[in-house]
Amino acid sequence: MRELDDWKSELFESCSHWFFNVFSMRNFEVSIQDEDGNPMPAQKHRESNKVFNGLLKLLEEFFEGENIEVYKLMTEPAWMDEFAWEQFFFRCGNKVYVLSFYQEG
């Protein structure tokens, strides 16, 4: 487990993977053009990723005005059939809130 300096960027990367992993599993990709005109996976474009932006807005509203520390726990399963997960721990005063991403192998 490690404390995150830029939890919003870390959460974006995790959401891009977990929410849209089904695309790569199905050999399907939605592409857009980056600022230089090069194709990129749509879920990796932060400004247009409405799923992530909606989640971020809810989290920002929930923790508004609070001083939070955010930690990330990530597993690296040794076998294909093992469970994989990532967890974000939001520490706010004496409370801890957990956001979990979980996938069965």
PDB file of N, CA and C in Angstrom:
ATOM      1  N   MET A   1       0.859  -1.170   0.000  1.00  0.00           N
ATOM      2  CA  MET A   1       0.000   0.000   0.000  1.00  0.00           C
ATOM      3  C   MET A   1       0.902   1.229   0.000  1.00  0.00           C
ATOM      4  N   ARG A   2       0.475   2.220  -0.784  1.00  0.00           N
ATOM      5  CA  ARG A   2       1.274   3.446  -0.832  1.00  0.00           C
ATOM      6  C   ARG A   2       0.366   4.663  -0.861  1.00  0.00           C
ATOM      7  N   GLU A   3       0.862   5.746  -0.271  1.00  0.00           N
ATOM      8  CA  GLU A   3       0.117   7.002  -0.294  1.00  0.00           C
ATOM      9  C   GLU A   3       0.282   7.640  -1.671  1.00  0.00           C
ATOM     10  N   LEU A   4      -0.793   8.259  -2.150  1.00  0.00           N
ATOM     11  CA  LEU A   4      -0.785   8.859  -3.479  1.00  0.00           C
ATOM     12  C   LEU A   4      -0.639  10.366  -3.392  1.00  0.00           C
ATOM     13  N   ASP A   5       0.285  10.899  -4.152  1.00  0.00           N
ATOM     14  CA  ASP A   5       0.438  12.350  -4.242  1.00  0.00           C
ATOM     15  C   ASP A   5      -0.629  12.949  -5.153  1.00  0.00           C
ATOM     16  N   ASP A   6      -0.915  12.259  -6.254  1.00  0.00           N
ATOM     17  CA  ASP A   6      -1.895  12.734  -7.238  1.00  0.00           C
ATOM     18  C   ASP A   6      -2.962  11.655  -7.407  1.00  0.00           C
ATOM     19  N   TRP A   7      -3.849  11.546  -6.423  1.00  0.00           N
ATOM     20  CA  TRP A   7      -4.822  10.459  -6.421  1.00  0.00           C
ATOM     21  C   TRP A   7      -5.798  10.534  -7.586  1.00  0.00           C
ATOM     22  N   LYS A   8      -6.085  11.718  -8.084  1.00  0.00           N
ATOM     23  CA  LYS A   8      -7.037  11.843  -9.192  1.00  0.00           C
ATOM     24  C   LYS A   8      -6.466  11.221 -10.468  1.00  0.00           C
ATOM     25  N   SER A   9      -5.195  11.434 -10.724  1.00  0.00           N
ATOM     26  CA  SER A   9      -4.564  10.821 -11.899  1.00  0.00           C
ATOM     27  C   SER A   9      -4.468   9.308 -11.747  1.00  0.00           C
ATOM     28  N   GLU A  10      -4.123   8.859 -10.555  1.00  0.00           N
ATOM     29  CA  GLU A  10      -4.049   7.416 -10.295  1.00  0.00           C
ATOM     30  C   GLU A  10      -5.422   6.772 -10.462  1.00  0.00           C
ATOM     31  N   LEU A  11      -6.448   7.435  -9.940  1.00  0.00           N
ATOM     32  CA  LEU A  11      -7.803   6.912 -10.058  1.00  0.00           C
ATOM     33  C   LEU A  11      -8.242   6.890 -11.521  1.00  0.00           C
ATOM     34  N   PHE A  12      -7.876   7.917 -12.281  1.00  0.00           N
ATOM     35  CA  PHE A  12      -8.202   7.935 -13.710  1.00  0.00           C
ATOM     36  C   PHE A  12      -7.607   6.723 -14.418  1.00  0.00           C
ATOM     37  N   GLU A  13      -6.342   6.436 -14.166  1.00  0.00           N
ATOM     38  CA  GLU A  13      -5.693   5.289 -14.809  1.00  0.00           C
ATOM     39  C   GLU A  13      -6.381   3.985 -14.420  1.00  0.00           C
ATOM     40  N   SER A  14      -6.730   3.844 -13.151  1.00  0.00           N
ATOM     41  CA  SER A  14      -7.409   2.628 -12.701  1.00  0.00           C
ATOM     42  C   SER A  14      -8.794   2.504 -13.320  1.00  0.00           C
ATOM     43  N   CYS A  15      -9.536   3.593 -13.337  1.00  0.00           N
ATOM     44  CA  CYS A  15     -10.880   3.569 -13.925  1.00  0.00           C
ATOM     45  C   CYS A  15     -10.814   3.249 -15.412  1.00  0.00           C
ATOM     46  N   SER A  16      -9.852   3.825 -16.113  1.00  0.00           N
ATOM     47  CA  SER A  16      -9.701   3.552 -17.545  1.00  0.00           C
ATOM     48  C   SER A  16      -9.480   2.069 -17.791  1.00  0.00           C
ATOM     49  N   HIS A  17      -8.738   1.444 -16.899  1.00  0.00           N
ATOM     50  CA  HIS A  17      -8.494   0.007 -17.030  1.00  0.00           C
ATOM     51  C   HIS A  17      -9.718  -0.806 -16.617  1.00  0.00           C
ATOM     52  N   TRP A  18     -10.197  -0.610 -15.405  1.00  0.00           N
ATOM     53  CA  TRP A  18     -11.250  -1.464 -14.861  1.00  0.00           C
ATOM     54  C   TRP A  18     -12.592  -1.279 -15.553  1.00  0.00           C
ATOM     55  N   PHE A  19     -12.979  -0.070 -15.855  1.00  0.00           N
ATOM     56  CA  PHE A  19     -14.288   0.163 -16.457  1.00  0.00           C
ATOM     57  C   PHE A  19     -14.341  -0.249 -17.925  1.00  0.00           C
ATOM     58  N   PHE A  20     -13.210  -0.223 -18.604  1.00  0.00           N
ATOM     59  CA  PHE A  20     -13.214  -0.461 -20.045  1.00  0.00           C
ATOM     60  C   PHE A  20     -12.386  -1.671 -20.460  1.00  0.00           C
ATOM     61  N   ASN A  21     -12.000  -2.502 -19.516  1.00  0.00           N
ATOM     62  CA  ASN A  21     -11.203  -3.687 -19.800  1.00  0.00           C
ATOM     63  C   ASN A  21     -11.918  -4.626 -20.768  1.00  0.00           C
ATOM     64  N   VAL A  22     -13.230  -4.610 -20.746  1.00  0.00           N
ATOM     65  CA  VAL A  22     -14.001  -5.481 -21.635  1.00  0.00           C
ATOM     66  C   VAL A  22     -13.702  -5.184 -23.103  1.00  0.00           C
ATOM     67  N   PHE A  23     -13.330  -3.937 -23.423  1.00  0.00           N
ATOM     68  CA  PHE A  23     -12.989  -3.600 -24.808  1.00  0.00           C
ATOM     69  C   PHE A  23     -11.833  -4.464 -25.302  1.00  0.00           C
ATOM     70  N   SER A  24     -10.759  -4.519 -24.524  1.00  0.00           N
ATOM     71  CA  SER A  24      -9.596  -5.295 -24.959  1.00  0.00           C
ATOM     72  C   SER A  24      -9.890  -6.790 -24.937  1.00  0.00           C
ATOM     73  N   MET A  25     -10.755  -7.229 -24.033  1.00  0.00           N
ATOM     74  CA  MET A  25     -11.113  -8.644 -23.977  1.00  0.00           C
ATOM     75  C   MET A  25     -11.890  -9.064 -25.222  1.00  0.00           C
ATOM     76  N   ARG A  26     -12.569  -8.126 -25.848  1.00  0.00           N
ATOM     77  CA  ARG A  26     -13.392  -8.406 -27.034  1.00  0.00           C
ATOM     78  C   ARG A  26     -12.729  -7.910 -28.329  1.00  0.00           C
ATOM     79  N   ASN A  27     -11.457  -7.518 -28.234  1.00  0.00           N
ATOM     80  CA  ASN A  27     -10.740  -6.960 -29.392  1.00  0.00           C
ATOM     81  C   ASN A  27     -11.524  -5.827 -30.043  1.00  0.00           C
ATOM     82  N   PHE A  28     -12.026  -4.951 -29.203  1.00  0.00           N
ATOM     83  CA  PHE A  28     -12.840  -3.821 -29.640  1.00  0.00           C
ATOM     84  C   PHE A  28     -12.218  -2.556 -29.081  1.00  0.00           C
ATOM     85  N   GLU A  29     -12.161  -1.518 -29.884  1.00  0.00           N
ATOM     86  CA  GLU A  29     -11.590  -0.268 -29.394  1.00  0.00           C
ATOM     87  C   GLU A  29     -12.333   0.919 -29.993  1.00  0.00           C
ATOM     88  N   VAL A  30     -12.596   1.891 -29.160  1.00  0.00           N
ATOM     89  CA  VAL A  30     -13.146   3.165 -29.607  1.00  0.00           C
ATOM     90  C   VAL A  30     -11.996   4.154 -29.547  1.00  0.00           C
ATOM     91  N   SER A  31     -11.675   4.759 -30.680  1.00  0.00           N
ATOM     92  CA  SER A  31     -10.534   5.671 -30.742  1.00  0.00           C
ATOM     93  C   SER A  31     -10.984   7.099 -31.008  1.00  0.00           C
ATOM     94  N   ILE A  32     -10.206   8.023 -30.500  1.00  0.00           N
ATOM     95  CA  ILE A  32     -10.361   9.439 -30.819  1.00  0.00           C
ATOM     96  C   ILE A  32      -8.976   9.964 -31.169  1.00  0.00           C
ATOM     97  N   GLN A  33      -8.912  11.182 -31.645  1.00  0.00           N
ATOM     98  CA  GLN A  33      -7.619  11.774 -31.971  1.00  0.00           C
ATOM     99  C   GLN A  33      -7.126  12.610 -30.798  1.00  0.00           C
ATOM    100  N   ASP A  34      -5.835  12.454 -30.487  1.00  0.00           N
ATOM    101  CA  ASP A  34      -5.244  13.289 -29.445  1.00  0.00           C
ATOM    102  C   ASP A  34      -4.952  14.677 -30.010  1.00  0.00           C
ATOM    103  N   GLU A  35      -4.311  15.511 -29.224  1.00  0.00           N
ATOM    104  CA  GLU A  35      -4.035  16.893 -29.613  1.00  0.00           C
ATOM    105  C   GLU A  35      -3.160  16.999 -30.863  1.00  0.00           C
ATOM    106  N   ASP A  36      -2.361  15.940 -31.119  1.00  0.00           N
ATOM    107  CA  ASP A  36      -1.477  15.935 -32.287  1.00  0.00           C
ATOM    108  C   ASP A  36      -2.093  15.225 -33.491  1.00  0.00           C
ATOM    109  N   GLY A  37      -3.355  14.803 -33.359  1.00  0.00           N
ATOM    110  CA  GLY A  37      -4.028  14.116 -34.452  1.00  0.00           C
ATOM    111  C   GLY A  37      -3.785  12.627 -34.516  1.00  0.00           C
ATOM    112  N   ASN A  38      -3.123  12.073 -33.500  1.00  0.00           N
ATOM    113  CA  ASN A  38      -2.850  10.640 -33.460  1.00  0.00           C
ATOM    114  C   ASN A  38      -4.009   9.908 -32.789  1.00  0.00           C
ATOM    115  N   PRO A  39      -4.346   8.696 -33.269  1.00  0.00           N
ATOM    116  CA  PRO A  39      -5.428   7.943 -32.628  1.00  0.00           C
ATOM    117  C   PRO A  39      -5.010   7.469 -31.237  1.00  0.00           C
ATOM    118  N   MET A  40      -5.962   7.482 -30.316  1.00  0.00           N
ATOM    119  CA  MET A  40      -5.732   6.984 -28.959  1.00  0.00           C
ATOM    120  C   MET A  40      -7.031   6.362 -28.462  1.00  0.00           C
ATOM    121  N   PRO A  41      -6.954   5.389 -27.539  1.00  0.00           N
ATOM    122  CA  PRO A  41      -8.176   4.813 -26.983  1.00  0.00           C
ATOM    123  C   PRO A  41      -9.011   5.905 -26.307  1.00  0.00           C
ATOM    124  N   ALA A  42     -10.295   5.937 -26.609  1.00  0.00           N
ATOM    125  CA  ALA A  42     -11.169   6.997 -26.088  1.00  0.00           C
ATOM    126  C   ALA A  42     -11.177   7.045 -24.566  1.00  0.00           C
ATOM    127  N   GLN A  43     -11.123   5.885 -23.908  1.00  0.00           N
ATOM    128  CA  GLN A  43     -11.182   5.878 -22.444  1.00  0.00           C
ATOM    129  C   GLN A  43      -9.952   6.515 -21.805  1.00  0.00           C
ATOM    130  N   LYS A  44      -8.859   6.652 -22.568  1.00  0.00           N
ATOM    131  CA  LYS A  44      -7.638   7.270 -22.045  1.00  0.00           C
ATOM    132  C   LYS A  44      -7.627   8.786 -22.197  1.00  0.00           C
ATOM    133  N   HIS A  45      -8.660   9.355 -22.817  1.00  0.00           N
ATOM    134  CA  HIS A  45      -8.765  10.808 -22.979  1.00  0.00           C
ATOM    135  C   HIS A  45      -9.581  11.340 -21.803  1.00  0.00           C
ATOM    136  N   ARG A  46      -8.896  11.933 -20.855  1.00  0.00           N
ATOM    137  CA  ARG A  46      -9.523  12.296 -19.578  1.00  0.00           C
ATOM    138  C   ARG A  46     -10.716  13.237 -19.734  1.00  0.00           C
ATOM    139  N   GLU A  47     -10.605  14.220 -20.602  1.00  0.00           N
ATOM    140  CA  GLU A  47     -11.677  15.208 -20.730  1.00  0.00           C
ATOM    141  C   GLU A  47     -12.965  14.598 -21.276  1.00  0.00           C
ATOM    142  N   SER A  48     -12.867  13.563 -22.108  1.00  0.00           N
ATOM    143  CA  SER A  48     -14.072  12.981 -22.697  1.00  0.00           C
ATOM    144  C   SER A  48     -14.534  11.708 -22.000  1.00  0.00           C
ATOM    145  N   ASN A  49     -13.821  11.257 -20.979  1.00  0.00           N
ATOM    146  CA  ASN A  49     -14.196  10.036 -20.263  1.00  0.00           C
ATOM    147  C   ASN A  49     -15.274  10.380 -19.233  1.00  0.00           C
ATOM    148  N   LYS A  50     -16.525  10.312 -19.656  1.00  0.00           N
ATOM    149  CA  LYS A  50     -17.647  10.725 -18.811  1.00  0.00           C
ATOM    150  C   LYS A  50     -17.844   9.811 -17.608  1.00  0.00           C
ATOM    151  N   VAL A  51     -17.491   8.552 -17.741  1.00  0.00           N
ATOM    152  CA  VAL A  51     -17.634   7.625 -16.616  1.00  0.00           C
ATOM    153  C   VAL A  51     -16.720   8.065 -15.473  1.00  0.00           C
ATOM    154  N   PHE A  52     -15.449   8.278 -15.788  1.00  0.00           N
ATOM    155  CA  PHE A  52     -14.513   8.724 -14.758  1.00  0.00           C
ATOM    156  C   PHE A  52     -14.895  10.093 -14.216  1.00  0.00           C
ATOM    157  N   ASN A  53     -15.202  11.020 -15.100  1.00  0.00           N
ATOM    158  CA  ASN A  53     -15.524  12.380 -14.655  1.00  0.00           C
ATOM    159  C   ASN A  53     -16.743  12.409 -13.747  1.00  0.00           C
ATOM    160  N   GLY A  54     -17.721  11.538 -14.005  1.00  0.00           N
ATOM    161  CA  GLY A  54     -18.880  11.445 -13.119  1.00  0.00           C
ATOM    162  C   GLY A  54     -18.497  10.932 -11.743  1.00  0.00           C
ATOM    163  N   LEU A  55     -17.659   9.899 -11.700  1.00  0.00           N
ATOM    164  CA  LEU A  55     -17.197   9.369 -10.416  1.00  0.00           C
ATOM    165  C   LEU A  55     -16.378  10.408  -9.668  1.00  0.00           C
ATOM    166  N   LEU A  56     -15.475  11.088 -10.364  1.00  0.00           N
ATOM    167  CA  LEU A  56     -14.638  12.103  -9.730  1.00  0.00           C
ATOM    168  C   LEU A  56     -15.489  13.224  -9.144  1.00  0.00           C
ATOM    169  N   LYS A  57     -16.495  13.648  -9.862  1.00  0.00           N
ATOM    170  CA  LYS A  57     -17.374  14.708  -9.368  1.00  0.00           C
ATOM    171  C   LYS A  57     -18.065  14.281  -8.072  1.00  0.00           C
ATOM    172  N   LEU A  58     -18.554  13.045  -8.027  1.00  0.00           N
ATOM    173  CA  LEU A  58     -19.198  12.545  -6.808  1.00  0.00           C
ATOM    174  C   LEU A  58     -18.218  12.503  -5.635  1.00  0.00           C
ATOM    175  N   LEU A  59     -16.999  12.037  -5.886  1.00  0.00           N
ATOM    176  CA  LEU A  59     -15.991  11.981  -4.821  1.00  0.00           C
ATOM    177  C   LEU A  59     -15.612  13.377  -4.341  1.00  0.00           C
ATOM    178  N   GLU A  60     -15.437  14.307  -5.264  1.00  0.00           N
ATOM    179  CA  GLU A  60     -15.090  15.681  -4.876  1.00  0.00           C
ATOM    180  C   GLU A  60     -16.205  16.315  -4.050  1.00  0.00           C
ATOM    181  N   GLU A  61     -17.441  16.070  -4.411  1.00  0.00           N
ATOM    182  CA  GLU A  61     -18.566  16.605  -3.635  1.00  0.00           C
ATOM    183  C   GLU A  61     -18.629  15.959  -2.257  1.00  0.00           C
ATOM    184  N   PHE A  62     -18.399  14.655  -2.194  1.00  0.00           N
ATOM    185  CA  PHE A  62     -18.460  13.936  -0.925  1.00  0.00           C
ATOM    186  C   PHE A  62     -17.381  14.419   0.044  1.00  0.00           C
ATOM    187  N   PHE A  63     -16.171  14.644  -0.465  1.00  0.00           N
ATOM    188  CA  PHE A  63     -15.049  15.044   0.386  1.00  0.00           C
ATOM    189  C   PHE A  63     -14.809  16.553   0.391  1.00  0.00           C
ATOM    190  N   GLU A  64     -15.731  17.321  -0.135  1.00  0.00           N
ATOM    191  CA  GLU A  64     -15.552  18.771  -0.238  1.00  0.00           C
ATOM    192  C   GLU A  64     -15.228  19.394   1.122  1.00  0.00           C
ATOM    193  N   GLY A  65     -14.170  20.197   1.148  1.00  0.00           N
ATOM    194  CA  GLY A  65     -13.771  20.890   2.363  1.00  0.00           C
ATOM    195  C   GLY A  65     -13.000  20.037   3.356  1.00  0.00           C
ATOM    196  N   GLU A  66     -12.811  18.769   3.049  1.00  0.00           N
ATOM    197  CA  GLU A  66     -12.094  17.858   3.950  1.00  0.00           C
ATOM    198  C   GLU A  66     -10.640  17.719   3.516  1.00  0.00           C
ATOM    199  N   ASN A  67      -9.776  17.507   4.490  1.00  0.00           N
ATOM    200  CA  ASN A  67      -8.379  17.203   4.214  1.00  0.00           C
ATOM    201  C   ASN A  67      -8.266  15.684   4.153  1.00  0.00           C
ATOM    202  N   ILE A  68      -8.053  15.139   2.963  1.00  0.00           N
ATOM    203  CA  ILE A  68      -8.010  13.684   2.838  1.00  0.00           C
ATOM    204  C   ILE A  68      -6.617  13.215   2.440  1.00  0.00           C
ATOM    205  N   GLU A  69      -6.316  12.015   2.886  1.00  0.00           N
ATOM    206  CA  GLU A  69      -5.124  11.293   2.448  1.00  0.00           C
ATOM    207  C   GLU A  69      -5.641  10.090   1.673  1.00  0.00           C
ATOM    208  N   VAL A  70      -5.015   9.802   0.545  1.00  0.00           N
ATOM    209  CA  VAL A  70      -5.480   8.696  -0.287  1.00  0.00           C
ATOM    210  C   VAL A  70      -4.342   7.694  -0.471  1.00  0.00           C
ATOM    211  N   TYR A  71      -4.675   6.423  -0.265  1.00  0.00           N
ATOM    212  CA  TYR A  71      -3.724   5.330  -0.396  1.00  0.00           C
ATOM    213  C   TYR A  71      -4.258   4.338  -1.415  1.00  0.00           C
ATOM    214  N   LYS A  72      -3.343   3.603  -2.027  1.00  0.00           N
ATOM    215  CA  LYS A  72      -3.739   2.609  -3.024  1.00  0.00           C
ATOM    216  C   LYS A  72      -3.105   1.264  -2.691  1.00  0.00           C
ATOM    217  N   LEU A  73      -3.928   0.232  -2.738  1.00  0.00           N
ATOM    218  CA  LEU A  73      -3.475  -1.145  -2.578  1.00  0.00           C
ATOM    219  C   LEU A  73      -3.777  -1.864  -3.880  1.00  0.00           C
ATOM    220  N   MET A  74      -2.779  -2.544  -4.405  1.00  0.00           N
ATOM    221  CA  MET A  74      -2.947  -3.230  -5.682  1.00  0.00           C
ATOM    222  C   MET A  74      -2.330  -4.606  -5.586  1.00  0.00           C
ATOM    223  N   THR A  75      -3.041  -5.611  -6.096  1.00  0.00           N
ATOM    224  CA  THR A  75      -2.505  -6.968  -6.094  1.00  0.00           C
ATOM    225  C   THR A  75      -1.876  -7.277  -7.442  1.00  0.00           C
ATOM    226  N   GLU A  76      -0.994  -8.222  -7.429  1.00  0.00           N
ATOM    227  CA  GLU A  76      -0.403  -8.730  -8.662  1.00  0.00           C
ATOM    228  C   GLU A  76      -0.468 -10.249  -8.602  1.00  0.00           C
ATOM    229  N   PRO A  77      -1.603 -10.814  -9.061  1.00  0.00           N
ATOM    230  CA  PRO A  77      -1.779 -12.265  -8.966  1.00  0.00           C
ATOM    231  C   PRO A  77      -0.709 -13.023  -9.754  1.00  0.00           C
ATOM    232  N   ALA A  78      -0.261 -14.110  -9.170  1.00  0.00           N
ATOM    233  CA  ALA A  78       0.782 -14.917  -9.807  1.00  0.00           C
ATOM    234  C   ALA A  78       0.207 -15.833 -10.892  1.00  0.00           C
ATOM    235  N   TRP A  79      -1.069 -16.146 -10.796  1.00  0.00           N
ATOM    236  CA  TRP A  79      -1.694 -17.089 -11.723  1.00  0.00           C
ATOM    237  C   TRP A  79      -2.864 -16.434 -12.436  1.00  0.00           C
ATOM    238  N   MET A  80      -3.154 -16.917 -13.633  1.00  0.00           N
ATOM    239  CA  MET A  80      -4.261 -16.381 -14.434  1.00  0.00           C
ATOM    240  C   MET A  80      -5.604 -16.504 -13.723  1.00  0.00           C
ATOM    241  N   ASP A  81      -5.803 -17.574 -12.959  1.00  0.00           N
ATOM    242  CA  ASP A  81      -7.101 -17.825 -12.335  1.00  0.00           C
ATOM    243  C   ASP A  81      -7.250 -17.181 -10.966  1.00  0.00           C
ATOM    244  N   GLU A  82      -6.269 -16.432 -10.527  1.00  0.00           N
ATOM    245  CA  GLU A  82      -6.367 -15.765  -9.235  1.00  0.00           C
ATOM    246  C   GLU A  82      -7.141 -14.461  -9.361  1.00  0.00           C
ATOM    247  N   PHE A  83      -7.636 -14.004  -8.231  1.00  0.00           N
ATOM    248  CA  PHE A  83      -8.389 -12.756  -8.191  1.00  0.00           C
ATOM    249  C   PHE A  83      -7.438 -11.564  -8.295  1.00  0.00           C
ATOM    250  N   ALA A  84      -7.906 -10.535  -8.979  1.00  0.00           N
ATOM    251  CA  ALA A  84      -7.147  -9.283  -9.066  1.00  0.00           C
ATOM    252  C   ALA A  84      -8.015  -8.169  -8.504  1.00  0.00           C
ATOM    253  N   TRP A  85      -7.400  -7.246  -7.785  1.00  0.00           N
ATOM    254  CA  TRP A  85      -8.152  -6.104  -7.303  1.00  0.00           C
ATOM    255  C   TRP A  85      -7.239  -4.933  -7.019  1.00  0.00           C
ATOM    256  N   GLU A  86      -7.854  -3.776  -6.972  1.00  0.00           N
ATOM    257  CA  GLU A  86      -7.202  -2.543  -6.533  1.00  0.00           C
ATOM    258  C   GLU A  86      -8.158  -1.877  -5.557  1.00  0.00           C
ATOM    259  N   GLN A  87      -7.603  -1.271  -4.548  1.00  0.00           N
ATOM    260  CA  GLN A  87      -8.426  -0.537  -3.592  1.00  0.00           C
ATOM    261  C   GLN A  87      -7.817   0.835  -3.343  1.00  0.00           C
ATOM    262  N   PHE A  88      -8.699   1.823  -3.264  1.00  0.00           N
ATOM    263  CA  PHE A  88      -8.316   3.179  -2.894  1.00  0.00           C
ATOM    264  C   PHE A  88      -8.897   3.448  -1.519  1.00  0.00           C
ATOM    265  N   PHE A  89      -8.045   3.864  -0.596  1.00  0.00           N
ATOM    266  CA  PHE A  89      -8.469   4.182   0.769  1.00  0.00           C
ATOM    267  C   PHE A  89      -8.424   5.696   0.935  1.00  0.00           C
ATOM    268  N   PHE A  90      -9.558   6.269   1.257  1.00  0.00           N
ATOM    269  CA  PHE A  90      -9.671   7.714   1.464  1.00  0.00           C
ATOM    270  C   PHE A  90      -9.758   7.954   2.968  1.00  0.00           C
ATOM    271  N   ARG A  91      -8.696   8.474   3.547  1.00  0.00           N
ATOM    272  CA  ARG A  91      -8.662   8.731   4.983  1.00  0.00           C
ATOM    273  C   ARG A  91      -9.063  10.176   5.228  1.00  0.00           C
ATOM    274  N   CYS A  92     -10.096  10.331   6.026  1.00  0.00           N
ATOM    275  CA  CYS A  92     -10.669  11.644   6.302  1.00  0.00           C
ATOM    276  C   CYS A  92     -10.911  11.719   7.810  1.00  0.00           C
ATOM    277  N   GLY A  93      -9.998  12.403   8.520  1.00  0.00           N
ATOM    278  CA  GLY A  93     -10.111  12.429   9.980  1.00  0.00           C
ATOM    279  C   GLY A  93      -9.893  11.033  10.531  1.00  0.00           C
ATOM    280  N   ASN A  94     -10.844  10.563  11.343  1.00  0.00           N
ATOM    281  CA  ASN A  94     -10.713   9.220  11.913  1.00  0.00           C
ATOM    282  C   ASN A  94     -11.539   8.188  11.139  1.00  0.00           C
ATOM    283  N   LYS A  95     -11.969   8.542   9.931  1.00  0.00           N
ATOM    284  CA  LYS A  95     -12.752   7.629   9.095  1.00  0.00           C
ATOM    285  C   LYS A  95     -11.951   7.245   7.855  1.00  0.00           C
ATOM    286  N   VAL A  96     -12.223   6.044   7.362  1.00  0.00           N
ATOM    287  CA  VAL A  96     -11.602   5.568   6.128  1.00  0.00           C
ATOM    288  C   VAL A  96     -12.701   5.030   5.218  1.00  0.00           C
ATOM    289  N   TYR A  97     -12.705   5.509   3.982  1.00  0.00           N
ATOM    290  CA  TYR A  97     -13.652   5.054   2.970  1.00  0.00           C
ATOM    291  C   TYR A  97     -12.865   4.277   1.926  1.00  0.00           C
ATOM    292  N   VAL A  98     -13.439   3.167   1.449  1.00  0.00           N
ATOM    293  CA  VAL A  98     -12.725   2.289   0.527  1.00  0.00           C
ATOM    294  C   VAL A  98     -13.482   2.195  -0.797  1.00  0.00           C
ATOM    295  N   LEU A  99     -12.756   2.371  -1.873  1.00  0.00           N
ATOM    296  CA  LEU A  99     -13.283   2.177  -3.224  1.00  0.00           C
ATOM    297  C   LEU A  99     -12.536   0.982  -3.802  1.00  0.00           C
ATOM    298  N   SER A 100     -13.273  -0.083  -4.144  1.00  0.00           N
ATOM    299  CA  SER A 100     -12.647  -1.326  -4.598  1.00  0.00           C
ATOM    300  C   SER A 100     -12.971  -1.634  -6.048  1.00  0.00           C
ATOM    301  N   PHE A 101     -11.963  -2.093  -6.759  1.00  0.00           N
ATOM    302  CA  PHE A 101     -12.117  -2.642  -8.099  1.00  0.00           C
ATOM    303  C   PHE A 101     -11.711  -4.106  -7.990  1.00  0.00           C
ATOM    304  N   TYR A 102     -12.560  -4.994  -8.472  1.00  0.00           N
ATOM    305  CA  TYR A 102     -12.367  -6.412  -8.221  1.00  0.00           C
ATOM    306  C   TYR A 102     -12.731  -7.205  -9.464  1.00  0.00           C
ATOM    307  N   GLN A 103     -11.906  -8.192  -9.799  1.00  0.00           N
ATOM    308  CA  GLN A 103     -12.211  -9.055 -10.935  1.00  0.00           C
ATOM    309  C   GLN A 103     -11.760 -10.468 -10.636  1.00  0.00           C
ATOM    310  N   GLU A 104     -12.657 -11.397 -10.865  1.00  0.00           N
ATOM    311  CA  GLU A 104     -12.322 -12.803 -10.712  1.00  0.00           C
ATOM    312  C   GLU A 104     -11.510 -13.248 -11.910  1.00  0.00           C
ATOM    313  N   GLY A 105     -10.531 -14.119 -11.673  1.00  0.00           N
ATOM    314  CA  GLY A 105      -9.625 -14.568 -12.722  1.00  0.00           C
ATOM    315  C   GLY A 105     -10.231 -15.304 -13.848  1.00  0.00           C
TER     316      GLY A 105
END
